[in-house]
Amino acid sequence: MARCDIRYSDKMSGSEDLGIRHILSRGEKDKNASRLRSIMLKIINNELTPRQKEIIMLYYFKNADVAAISEKLGVSQQAVYAAMSRAKKTMYGILKYYF
């Protein structure tokens, strides 16, 4: 029996980040993309902490950079990176059960 060795790797830029941006910005034309977007939005709303949700919303939906987010929230950039990393890991952990 083959084992699926997909590993989570957190990168603030690169294919992982672009993939999330692509999924969240897609329209409703593609049924599978629409389903994936719906699942991701439910995860963001129901599974992330309020701080993680706020950071993800600012970063992916308002296109704010990490410096702007850290200034707005009054935390260090390192804290923003850490919260975003934990949020994306949570999202990935849940999404892998759908695929």
PDB file of N, CA and C in Angstrom:
ATOM      1  N   MET A   1       0.845  -1.165   0.000  1.00  0.00           N
ATOM      2  CA  MET A   1       0.000   0.000   0.000  1.00  0.00           C
ATOM      3  C   MET A   1       0.900   1.240   0.000  1.00  0.00           C
ATOM      4  N   ALA A   2       0.640   2.158  -0.909  1.00  0.00           N
ATOM      5  CA  ALA A   2       1.428   3.382  -1.038  1.00  0.00           C
ATOM      6  C   ALA A   2       1.051   4.355   0.073  1.00  0.00           C
ATOM      7  N   ARG A   3       2.052   5.050   0.568  1.00  0.00           N
ATOM      8  CA  ARG A   3       1.820   6.030   1.620  1.00  0.00           C
ATOM      9  C   ARG A   3       1.944   7.429   1.035  1.00  0.00           C
ATOM     10  N   CYS A   4       1.047   8.298   1.413  1.00  0.00           N
ATOM     11  CA  CYS A   4       1.066   9.677   0.932  1.00  0.00           C
ATOM     12  C   CYS A   4       1.973  10.493   1.849  1.00  0.00           C
ATOM     13  N   ASP A   5       3.100  10.953   1.332  1.00  0.00           N
ATOM     14  CA  ASP A   5       4.064  11.715   2.131  1.00  0.00           C
ATOM     15  C   ASP A   5       4.033  13.186   1.777  1.00  0.00           C
ATOM     16  N   ILE A   6       2.871  13.785   1.860  1.00  0.00           N
ATOM     17  CA  ILE A   6       2.755  15.217   1.639  1.00  0.00           C
ATOM     18  C   ILE A   6       3.106  15.901   2.942  1.00  0.00           C
ATOM     19  N   ARG A   7       4.022  16.840   2.879  1.00  0.00           N
ATOM     20  CA  ARG A   7       4.464  17.525   4.079  1.00  0.00           C
ATOM     21  C   ARG A   7       4.109  18.997   3.982  1.00  0.00           C
ATOM     22  N   TYR A   8       3.780  19.544   5.117  1.00  0.00           N
ATOM     23  CA  TYR A   8       3.467  20.967   5.184  1.00  0.00           C
ATOM     24  C   TYR A   8       4.763  21.746   5.272  1.00  0.00           C
ATOM     25  N   SER A   9       4.869  22.774   4.466  1.00  0.00           N
ATOM     26  CA  SER A   9       6.023  23.666   4.505  1.00  0.00           C
ATOM     27  C   SER A   9       5.498  25.088   4.460  1.00  0.00           C
ATOM     28  N   ASP A  10       5.848  25.880   5.455  1.00  0.00           N
ATOM     29  CA  ASP A  10       5.318  27.234   5.514  1.00  0.00           C
ATOM     30  C   ASP A  10       6.294  28.214   4.894  1.00  0.00           C
ATOM     31  N   LYS A  11       5.865  28.856   3.864  1.00  0.00           N
ATOM     32  CA  LYS A  11       6.651  29.899   3.219  1.00  0.00           C
ATOM     33  C   LYS A  11       5.722  31.066   2.982  1.00  0.00           C
ATOM     34  N   MET A  12       6.153  32.241   3.379  1.00  0.00           N
ATOM     35  CA  MET A  12       5.304  33.418   3.217  1.00  0.00           C
ATOM     36  C   MET A  12       5.195  33.842   1.762  1.00  0.00           C
ATOM     37  N   SER A  13       6.136  33.440   0.978  1.00  0.00           N
ATOM     38  CA  SER A  13       6.041  33.707  -0.453  1.00  0.00           C
ATOM     39  C   SER A  13       6.395  32.413  -1.156  1.00  0.00           C
ATOM     40  N   GLY A  14       6.016  32.295  -2.371  1.00  0.00           N
ATOM     41  CA  GLY A  14       6.286  31.069  -3.103  1.00  0.00           C
ATOM     42  C   GLY A  14       5.004  30.390  -3.505  1.00  0.00           C
ATOM     43  N   SER A  15       5.133  29.159  -3.954  1.00  0.00           N
ATOM     44  CA  SER A  15       3.989  28.458  -4.522  1.00  0.00           C
ATOM     45  C   SER A  15       2.883  28.193  -3.496  1.00  0.00           C
ATOM     46  N   GLU A  16       3.260  27.915  -2.229  1.00  0.00           N
ATOM     47  CA  GLU A  16       2.229  27.666  -1.219  1.00  0.00           C
ATOM     48  C   GLU A  16       1.366  28.894  -1.006  1.00  0.00           C
ATOM     49  N   ASP A  17       2.008  30.032  -0.846  1.00  0.00           N
ATOM     50  CA  ASP A  17       1.281  31.281  -0.613  1.00  0.00           C
ATOM     51  C   ASP A  17       0.462  31.676  -1.834  1.00  0.00           C
ATOM     52  N   LEU A  18       1.035  31.533  -3.010  1.00  0.00           N
ATOM     53  CA  LEU A  18       0.298  31.853  -4.231  1.00  0.00           C
ATOM     54  C   LEU A  18      -0.885  30.917  -4.418  1.00  0.00           C
ATOM     55  N   GLY A  19      -0.729  29.664  -4.006  1.00  0.00           N
ATOM     56  CA  GLY A  19      -1.830  28.710  -4.106  1.00  0.00           C
ATOM     57  C   GLY A  19      -3.013  29.120  -3.250  1.00  0.00           C
ATOM     58  N   ILE A  20      -2.737  29.548  -2.020  1.00  0.00           N
ATOM     59  CA  ILE A  20      -3.814  30.001  -1.140  1.00  0.00           C
ATOM     60  C   ILE A  20      -4.479  31.247  -1.716  1.00  0.00           C
ATOM     61  N   ARG A  21      -3.663  32.193  -2.181  1.00  0.00           N
ATOM     62  CA  ARG A  21      -4.221  33.411  -2.786  1.00  0.00           C
ATOM     63  C   ARG A  21      -5.101  33.068  -3.989  1.00  0.00           C
ATOM     64  N   HIS A  22      -4.648  32.130  -4.807  1.00  0.00           N
ATOM     65  CA  HIS A  22      -5.384  31.736  -6.011  1.00  0.00           C
ATOM     66  C   HIS A  22      -6.743  31.122  -5.646  1.00  0.00           C
ATOM     67  N   ILE A  23      -6.736  30.246  -4.663  1.00  0.00           N
ATOM     68  CA  ILE A  23      -7.981  29.594  -4.245  1.00  0.00           C
ATOM     69  C   ILE A  23      -8.963  30.608  -3.684  1.00  0.00           C
ATOM     70  N   LEU A  24      -8.471  31.491  -2.822  1.00  0.00           N
ATOM     71  CA  LEU A  24      -9.369  32.450  -2.185  1.00  0.00           C
ATOM     72  C   LEU A  24      -9.874  33.529  -3.125  1.00  0.00           C
ATOM     73  N   SER A  25      -9.172  33.770  -4.231  1.00  0.00           N
ATOM     74  CA  SER A  25      -9.593  34.827  -5.146  1.00  0.00           C
ATOM     75  C   SER A  25     -10.380  34.311  -6.337  1.00  0.00           C
ATOM     76  N   ARG A  26     -10.562  33.020  -6.470  1.00  0.00           N
ATOM     77  CA  ARG A  26     -11.271  32.465  -7.624  1.00  0.00           C
ATOM     78  C   ARG A  26     -12.743  32.804  -7.593  1.00  0.00           C
ATOM     79  N   GLY A  27     -13.292  32.882  -8.762  1.00  0.00           N
ATOM     80  CA  GLY A  27     -14.724  33.145  -8.881  1.00  0.00           C
ATOM     81  C   GLY A  27     -15.538  31.895  -8.648  1.00  0.00           C
ATOM     82  N   GLU A  28     -16.784  31.981  -8.894  1.00  0.00           N
ATOM     83  CA  GLU A  28     -17.713  30.878  -8.657  1.00  0.00           C
ATOM     84  C   GLU A  28     -17.926  30.020  -9.905  1.00  0.00           C
ATOM     85  N   LYS A  29     -17.163  30.222 -10.961  1.00  0.00           N
ATOM     86  CA  LYS A  29     -17.390  29.510 -12.216  1.00  0.00           C
ATOM     87  C   LYS A  29     -17.012  28.043 -12.132  1.00  0.00           C
ATOM     88  N   ASP A  30     -15.900  27.713 -11.505  1.00  0.00           N
ATOM     89  CA  ASP A  30     -15.434  26.343 -11.383  1.00  0.00           C
ATOM     90  C   ASP A  30     -16.020  25.731 -10.115  1.00  0.00           C
ATOM     91  N   LYS A  31     -16.790  24.643 -10.275  1.00  0.00           N
ATOM     92  CA  LYS A  31     -17.490  24.047  -9.135  1.00  0.00           C
ATOM     93  C   LYS A  31     -16.507  23.545  -8.083  1.00  0.00           C
ATOM     94  N   ASN A  32     -15.411  22.893  -8.489  1.00  0.00           N
ATOM     95  CA  ASN A  32     -14.435  22.379  -7.533  1.00  0.00           C
ATOM     96  C   ASN A  32     -13.717  23.515  -6.813  1.00  0.00           C
ATOM     97  N   ALA A  33     -13.370  24.552  -7.543  1.00  0.00           N
ATOM     98  CA  ALA A  33     -12.708  25.705  -6.931  1.00  0.00           C
ATOM     99  C   ALA A  33     -13.650  26.392  -5.960  1.00  0.00           C
ATOM    100  N   SER A  34     -14.910  26.462  -6.312  1.00  0.00           N
ATOM    101  CA  SER A  34     -15.907  27.075  -5.443  1.00  0.00           C
ATOM    102  C   SER A  34     -16.051  26.271  -4.154  1.00  0.00           C
ATOM    103  N   ARG A  35     -16.056  24.949  -4.262  1.00  0.00           N
ATOM    104  CA  ARG A  35     -16.156  24.079  -3.091  1.00  0.00           C
ATOM    105  C   ARG A  35     -14.938  24.253  -2.190  1.00  0.00           C
ATOM    106  N   LEU A  36     -13.755  24.282  -2.779  1.00  0.00           N
ATOM    107  CA  LEU A  36     -12.523  24.450  -2.016  1.00  0.00           C
ATOM    108  C   LEU A  36     -12.492  25.801  -1.315  1.00  0.00           C
ATOM    109  N   ARG A  37     -12.907  26.827  -2.015  1.00  0.00           N
ATOM    110  CA  ARG A  37     -12.963  28.172  -1.418  1.00  0.00           C
ATOM    111  C   ARG A  37     -13.933  28.187  -0.244  1.00  0.00           C
ATOM    112  N   SER A  38     -15.077  27.551  -0.407  1.00  0.00           N
ATOM    113  CA  SER A  38     -16.071  27.483   0.658  1.00  0.00           C
ATOM    114  C   SER A  38     -15.515  26.767   1.888  1.00  0.00           C
ATOM    115  N   ILE A  39     -14.811  25.666   1.671  1.00  0.00           N
ATOM    116  CA  ILE A  39     -14.204  24.923   2.777  1.00  0.00           C
ATOM    117  C   ILE A  39     -13.167  25.783   3.481  1.00  0.00           C
ATOM    118  N   MET A  40     -12.325  26.474   2.715  1.00  0.00           N
ATOM    119  CA  MET A  40     -11.286  27.312   3.306  1.00  0.00           C
ATOM    120  C   MET A  40     -11.895  28.455   4.119  1.00  0.00           C
ATOM    121  N   LEU A  41     -12.944  29.057   3.623  1.00  0.00           N
ATOM    122  CA  LEU A  41     -13.587  30.143   4.363  1.00  0.00           C
ATOM    123  C   LEU A  41     -14.222  29.641   5.657  1.00  0.00           C
ATOM    124  N   LYS A  42     -14.790  28.422   5.623  1.00  0.00           N
ATOM    125  CA  LYS A  42     -15.351  27.847   6.848  1.00  0.00           C
ATOM    126  C   LYS A  42     -14.248  27.568   7.859  1.00  0.00           C
ATOM    127  N   ILE A  43     -13.103  27.085   7.396  1.00  0.00           N
ATOM    128  CA  ILE A  43     -11.976  26.843   8.294  1.00  0.00           C
ATOM    129  C   ILE A  43     -11.510  28.156   8.915  1.00  0.00           C
ATOM    130  N   ILE A  44     -11.376  29.181   8.088  1.00  0.00           N
ATOM    131  CA  ILE A  44     -10.931  30.486   8.589  1.00  0.00           C
ATOM    132  C   ILE A  44     -11.895  31.006   9.649  1.00  0.00           C
ATOM    133  N   ASN A  45     -13.183  30.902   9.391  1.00  0.00           N
ATOM    134  CA  ASN A  45     -14.184  31.439  10.322  1.00  0.00           C
ATOM    135  C   ASN A  45     -14.373  30.600  11.582  1.00  0.00           C
ATOM    136  N   ASN A  46     -14.210  29.282  11.470  1.00  0.00           N
ATOM    137  CA  ASN A  46     -14.568  28.414  12.587  1.00  0.00           C
ATOM    138  C   ASN A  46     -13.392  27.789  13.337  1.00  0.00           C
ATOM    139  N   GLU A  47     -12.235  27.676  12.718  1.00  0.00           N
ATOM    140  CA  GLU A  47     -11.146  26.928  13.336  1.00  0.00           C
ATOM    141  C   GLU A  47      -9.962  27.782  13.776  1.00  0.00           C
ATOM    142  N   LEU A  48      -9.858  28.996  13.292  1.00  0.00           N
ATOM    143  CA  LEU A  48      -8.726  29.834  13.657  1.00  0.00           C
ATOM    144  C   LEU A  48      -9.060  30.709  14.859  1.00  0.00           C
ATOM    145  N   THR A  49      -8.028  31.109  15.582  1.00  0.00           N
ATOM    146  CA  THR A  49      -8.235  32.038  16.689  1.00  0.00           C
ATOM    147  C   THR A  49      -8.616  33.397  16.107  1.00  0.00           C
ATOM    148  N   PRO A  50      -9.207  34.264  16.907  1.00  0.00           N
ATOM    149  CA  PRO A  50      -9.558  35.597  16.388  1.00  0.00           C
ATOM    150  C   PRO A  50      -8.344  36.345  15.806  1.00  0.00           C
ATOM    151  N   ARG A  51      -7.187  36.249  16.462  1.00  0.00           N
ATOM    152  CA  ARG A  51      -5.992  36.929  15.964  1.00  0.00           C
ATOM    153  C   ARG A  51      -5.537  36.335  14.631  1.00  0.00           C
ATOM    154  N   GLN A  52      -5.523  34.993  14.530  1.00  0.00           N
ATOM    155  CA  GLN A  52      -5.143  34.341  13.282  1.00  0.00           C
ATOM    156  C   GLN A  52      -6.107  34.715  12.161  1.00  0.00           C
ATOM    157  N   LYS A  53      -7.391  34.717  12.472  1.00  0.00           N
ATOM    158  CA  LYS A  53      -8.404  35.077  11.475  1.00  0.00           C
ATOM    159  C   LYS A  53      -8.175  36.500  10.976  1.00  0.00           C
ATOM    160  N   GLU A  54      -7.920  37.415  11.900  1.00  0.00           N
ATOM    161  CA  GLU A  54      -7.700  38.810  11.518  1.00  0.00           C
ATOM    162  C   GLU A  54      -6.467  38.945  10.621  1.00  0.00           C
ATOM    163  N   ILE A  55      -5.400  38.254  10.967  1.00  0.00           N
ATOM    164  CA  ILE A  55      -4.172  38.323  10.172  1.00  0.00           C
ATOM    165  C   ILE A  55      -4.386  37.729   8.785  1.00  0.00           C
ATOM    166  N   ILE A  56      -5.035  36.576   8.718  1.00  0.00           N
ATOM    167  CA  ILE A  56      -5.300  35.929   7.422  1.00  0.00           C
ATOM    168  C   ILE A  56      -6.185  36.827   6.563  1.00  0.00           C
ATOM    169  N   MET A  57      -7.212  37.417   7.157  1.00  0.00           N
ATOM    170  CA  MET A  57      -8.111  38.294   6.395  1.00  0.00           C
ATOM    171  C   MET A  57      -7.361  39.517   5.868  1.00  0.00           C
ATOM    172  N   LEU A  58      -6.539  40.123   6.704  1.00  0.00           N
ATOM    173  CA  LEU A  58      -5.768  41.287   6.255  1.00  0.00           C
ATOM    174  C   LEU A  58      -4.784  40.909   5.157  1.00  0.00           C
ATOM    175  N   TYR A  59      -4.119  39.790   5.315  1.00  0.00           N
ATOM    176  CA  TYR A  59      -3.075  39.396   4.370  1.00  0.00           C
ATOM    177  C   TYR A  59      -3.647  38.953   3.025  1.00  0.00           C
ATOM    178  N   TYR A  60      -4.641  38.078   3.056  1.00  0.00           N
ATOM    179  CA  TYR A  60      -5.152  37.512   1.800  1.00  0.00           C
ATOM    180  C   TYR A  60      -6.289  38.305   1.171  1.00  0.00           C
ATOM    181  N   PHE A  61      -7.115  38.951   1.965  1.00  0.00           N
ATOM    182  CA  PHE A  61      -8.269  39.641   1.405  1.00  0.00           C
ATOM    183  C   PHE A  61      -8.060  41.138   1.257  1.00  0.00           C
ATOM    184  N   LYS A  62      -7.272  41.734   2.130  1.00  0.00           N
ATOM    185  CA  LYS A  62      -6.999  43.167   2.047  1.00  0.00           C
ATOM    186  C   LYS A  62      -5.626  43.459   1.446  1.00  0.00           C
ATOM    187  N   ASN A  63      -4.890  42.399   1.106  1.00  0.00           N
ATOM    188  CA  ASN A  63      -3.555  42.499   0.491  1.00  0.00           C
ATOM    189  C   ASN A  63      -2.588  43.366   1.301  1.00  0.00           C
ATOM    190  N   ALA A  64      -2.714  43.308   2.612  1.00  0.00           N
ATOM    191  CA  ALA A  64      -1.785  44.032   3.480  1.00  0.00           C
ATOM    192  C   ALA A  64      -0.507  43.214   3.628  1.00  0.00           C
ATOM    193  N   ASP A  65       0.619  43.896   3.681  1.00  0.00           N
ATOM    194  CA  ASP A  65       1.872  43.172   3.898  1.00  0.00           C
ATOM    195  C   ASP A  65       2.094  42.994   5.401  1.00  0.00           C
ATOM    196  N   VAL A  66       3.086  42.187   5.743  1.00  0.00           N
ATOM    197  CA  VAL A  66       3.335  41.852   7.138  1.00  0.00           C
ATOM    198  C   VAL A  66       3.660  43.099   7.961  1.00  0.00           C
ATOM    199  N   ALA A  67       4.425  44.023   7.400  1.00  0.00           N
ATOM    200  CA  ALA A  67       4.770  45.256   8.122  1.00  0.00           C
ATOM    201  C   ALA A  67       3.519  46.059   8.463  1.00  0.00           C
ATOM    202  N   ALA A  68       2.603  46.187   7.525  1.00  0.00           N
ATOM    203  CA  ALA A  68       1.365  46.932   7.765  1.00  0.00           C
ATOM    204  C   ALA A  68       0.493  46.228   8.798  1.00  0.00           C
ATOM    205  N   ILE A  69       0.450  44.897   8.736  1.00  0.00           N
ATOM    206  CA  ILE A  69      -0.352  44.141   9.703  1.00  0.00           C
ATOM    207  C   ILE A  69       0.223  44.302  11.106  1.00  0.00           C
ATOM    208  N   SER A  70       1.545  44.202  11.219  1.00  0.00           N
ATOM    209  CA  SER A  70       2.161  44.322  12.546  1.00  0.00           C
ATOM    210  C   SER A  70       1.938  45.712  13.139  1.00  0.00           C
ATOM    211  N   GLU A  71       1.984  46.723  12.295  1.00  0.00           N
ATOM    212  CA  GLU A  71       1.735  48.085  12.764  1.00  0.00           C
ATOM    213  C   GLU A  71       0.280  48.260  13.198  1.00  0.00           C
ATOM    214  N   LYS A  72      -0.643  47.753  12.389  1.00  0.00           N
ATOM    215  CA  LYS A  72      -2.071  47.886  12.693  1.00  0.00           C
ATOM    216  C   LYS A  72      -2.441  47.171  13.991  1.00  0.00           C
ATOM    217  N   LEU A  73      -1.862  45.989  14.213  1.00  0.00           N
ATOM    218  CA  LEU A  73      -2.210  45.196  15.386  1.00  0.00           C
ATOM    219  C   LEU A  73      -1.340  45.508  16.600  1.00  0.00           C
ATOM    220  N   GLY A  74      -0.273  46.264  16.383  1.00  0.00           N
ATOM    221  CA  GLY A  74       0.607  46.622  17.497  1.00  0.00           C
ATOM    222  C   GLY A  74       1.459  45.470  17.997  1.00  0.00           C
ATOM    223  N   VAL A  75       1.824  44.569  17.092  1.00  0.00           N
ATOM    224  CA  VAL A  75       2.686  43.438  17.439  1.00  0.00           C
ATOM    225  C   VAL A  75       3.889  43.443  16.512  1.00  0.00           C
ATOM    226  N   SER A  76       4.883  42.632  16.834  1.00  0.00           N
ATOM    227  CA  SER A  76       6.075  42.568  15.991  1.00  0.00           C
ATOM    228  C   SER A  76       5.774  41.793  14.708  1.00  0.00           C
ATOM    229  N   GLN A  77       6.609  42.007  13.712  1.00  0.00           N
ATOM    230  CA  GLN A  77       6.462  41.270  12.460  1.00  0.00           C
ATOM    231  C   GLN A  77       6.656  39.777  12.706  1.00  0.00           C
ATOM    232  N   GLN A  78       7.550  39.444  13.628  1.00  0.00           N
ATOM    233  CA  GLN A  78       7.788  38.047  13.957  1.00  0.00           C
ATOM    234  C   GLN A  78       6.517  37.395  14.515  1.00  0.00           C
ATOM    235  N   ALA A  79       5.766  38.134  15.312  1.00  0.00           N
ATOM    236  CA  ALA A  79       4.504  37.620  15.858  1.00  0.00           C
ATOM    237  C   ALA A  79       3.490  37.387  14.740  1.00  0.00           C
ATOM    238  N   VAL A  80       3.475  38.272  13.752  1.00  0.00           N
ATOM    239  CA  VAL A  80       2.570  38.102  12.603  1.00  0.00           C
ATOM    240  C   VAL A  80       2.951  36.853  11.823  1.00  0.00           C
ATOM    241  N   TYR A  81       4.250  36.688  11.548  1.00  0.00           N
ATOM    242  CA  TYR A  81       4.711  35.493  10.831  1.00  0.00           C
ATOM    243  C   TYR A  81       4.350  34.224  11.598  1.00  0.00           C
ATOM    244  N   ALA A  82       4.536  34.228  12.909  1.00  0.00           N
ATOM    245  CA  ALA A  82       4.236  33.047  13.720  1.00  0.00           C
ATOM    246  C   ALA A  82       2.746  32.720  13.700  1.00  0.00           C
ATOM    247  N   ALA A  83       1.904  33.730  13.876  1.00  0.00           N
ATOM    248  CA  ALA A  83       0.456  33.508  13.863  1.00  0.00           C
ATOM    249  C   ALA A  83      -0.011  33.026  12.500  1.00  0.00           C
ATOM    250  N   MET A  84       0.554  33.598  11.440  1.00  0.00           N
ATOM    251  CA  MET A  84       0.169  33.187  10.098  1.00  0.00           C
ATOM    252  C   MET A  84       0.625  31.754   9.820  1.00  0.00           C
ATOM    253  N   SER A  85       1.791  31.412  10.290  1.00  0.00           N
ATOM    254  CA  SER A  85       2.299  30.057  10.110  1.00  0.00           C
ATOM    255  C   SER A  85       1.397  29.046  10.810  1.00  0.00           C
ATOM    256  N   ARG A  86       1.004  29.339  12.045  1.00  0.00           N
ATOM    257  CA  ARG A  86       0.113  28.438  12.774  1.00  0.00           C
ATOM    258  C   ARG A  86      -1.252  28.348  12.087  1.00  0.00           C
ATOM    259  N   ALA A  87      -1.746  29.465  11.587  1.00  0.00           N
ATOM    260  CA  ALA A  87      -3.047  29.473  10.904  1.00  0.00           C
ATOM    261  C   ALA A  87      -2.999  28.633   9.634  1.00  0.00           C
ATOM    262  N   LYS A  88      -1.946  28.798   8.852  1.00  0.00           N
ATOM    263  CA  LYS A  88      -1.834  28.034   7.610  1.00  0.00           C
ATOM    264  C   LYS A  88      -1.639  26.554   7.891  1.00  0.00           C
ATOM    265  N   LYS A  89      -0.936  26.233   8.966  1.00  0.00           N
ATOM    266  CA  LYS A  89      -0.760  24.828   9.338  1.00  0.00           C
ATOM    267  C   LYS A  89      -2.102  24.219   9.742  1.00  0.00           C
ATOM    268  N   THR A  90      -2.910  24.959  10.472  1.00  0.00           N
ATOM    269  CA  THR A  90      -4.245  24.498  10.840  1.00  0.00           C
ATOM    270  C   THR A  90      -5.101  24.290   9.603  1.00  0.00           C
ATOM    271  N   MET A  91      -5.065  25.255   8.685  1.00  0.00           N
ATOM    272  CA  MET A  91      -5.842  25.147   7.447  1.00  0.00           C
ATOM    273  C   MET A  91      -5.416  23.913   6.661  1.00  0.00           C
ATOM    274  N   TYR A  92      -4.113  23.719   6.521  1.00  0.00           N
ATOM    275  CA  TYR A  92      -3.595  22.572   5.785  1.00  0.00           C
ATOM    276  C   TYR A  92      -4.012  21.270   6.458  1.00  0.00           C
ATOM    277  N   GLY A  93      -3.902  21.228   7.790  1.00  0.00           N
ATOM    278  CA  GLY A  93      -4.251  20.017   8.526  1.00  0.00           C
ATOM    279  C   GLY A  93      -5.687  19.586   8.303  1.00  0.00           C
ATOM    280  N   ILE A  94      -6.576  20.530   8.168  1.00  0.00           N
ATOM    281  CA  ILE A  94      -7.983  20.218   7.928  1.00  0.00           C
ATOM    282  C   ILE A  94      -8.226  19.913   6.452  1.00  0.00           C
ATOM    283  N   LEU A  95      -7.639  20.695   5.576  1.00  0.00           N
ATOM    284  CA  LEU A  95      -7.855  20.499   4.132  1.00  0.00           C
ATOM    285  C   LEU A  95      -7.362  19.152   3.633  1.00  0.00           C
ATOM    286  N   LYS A  96      -6.317  18.605   4.239  1.00  0.00           N
ATOM    287  CA  LYS A  96      -5.760  17.346   3.728  1.00  0.00           C
ATOM    288  C   LYS A  96      -6.754  16.193   3.860  1.00  0.00           C
ATOM    289  N   TYR A  97      -7.750  16.326   4.752  1.00  0.00           N
ATOM    290  CA  TYR A  97      -8.755  15.285   4.876  1.00  0.00           C
ATOM    291  C   TYR A  97      -9.785  15.324   3.747  1.00  0.00           C
ATOM    292  N   TYR A  98      -9.853  16.419   3.031  1.00  0.00           N
ATOM    293  CA  TYR A  98     -10.782  16.542   1.917  1.00  0.00           C
ATOM    294  C   TYR A  98     -10.200  16.028   0.610  1.00  0.00           C
ATOM    295  N   PHE A  99      -8.876  15.855   0.566  1.00  0.00           N
ATOM    296  CA  PHE A  99      -8.249  15.484  -0.709  1.00  0.00           C
ATOM    297  C   PHE A  99      -7.346  14.294  -0.584  1.00  0.00           C
TER     298      PHE A  99
END
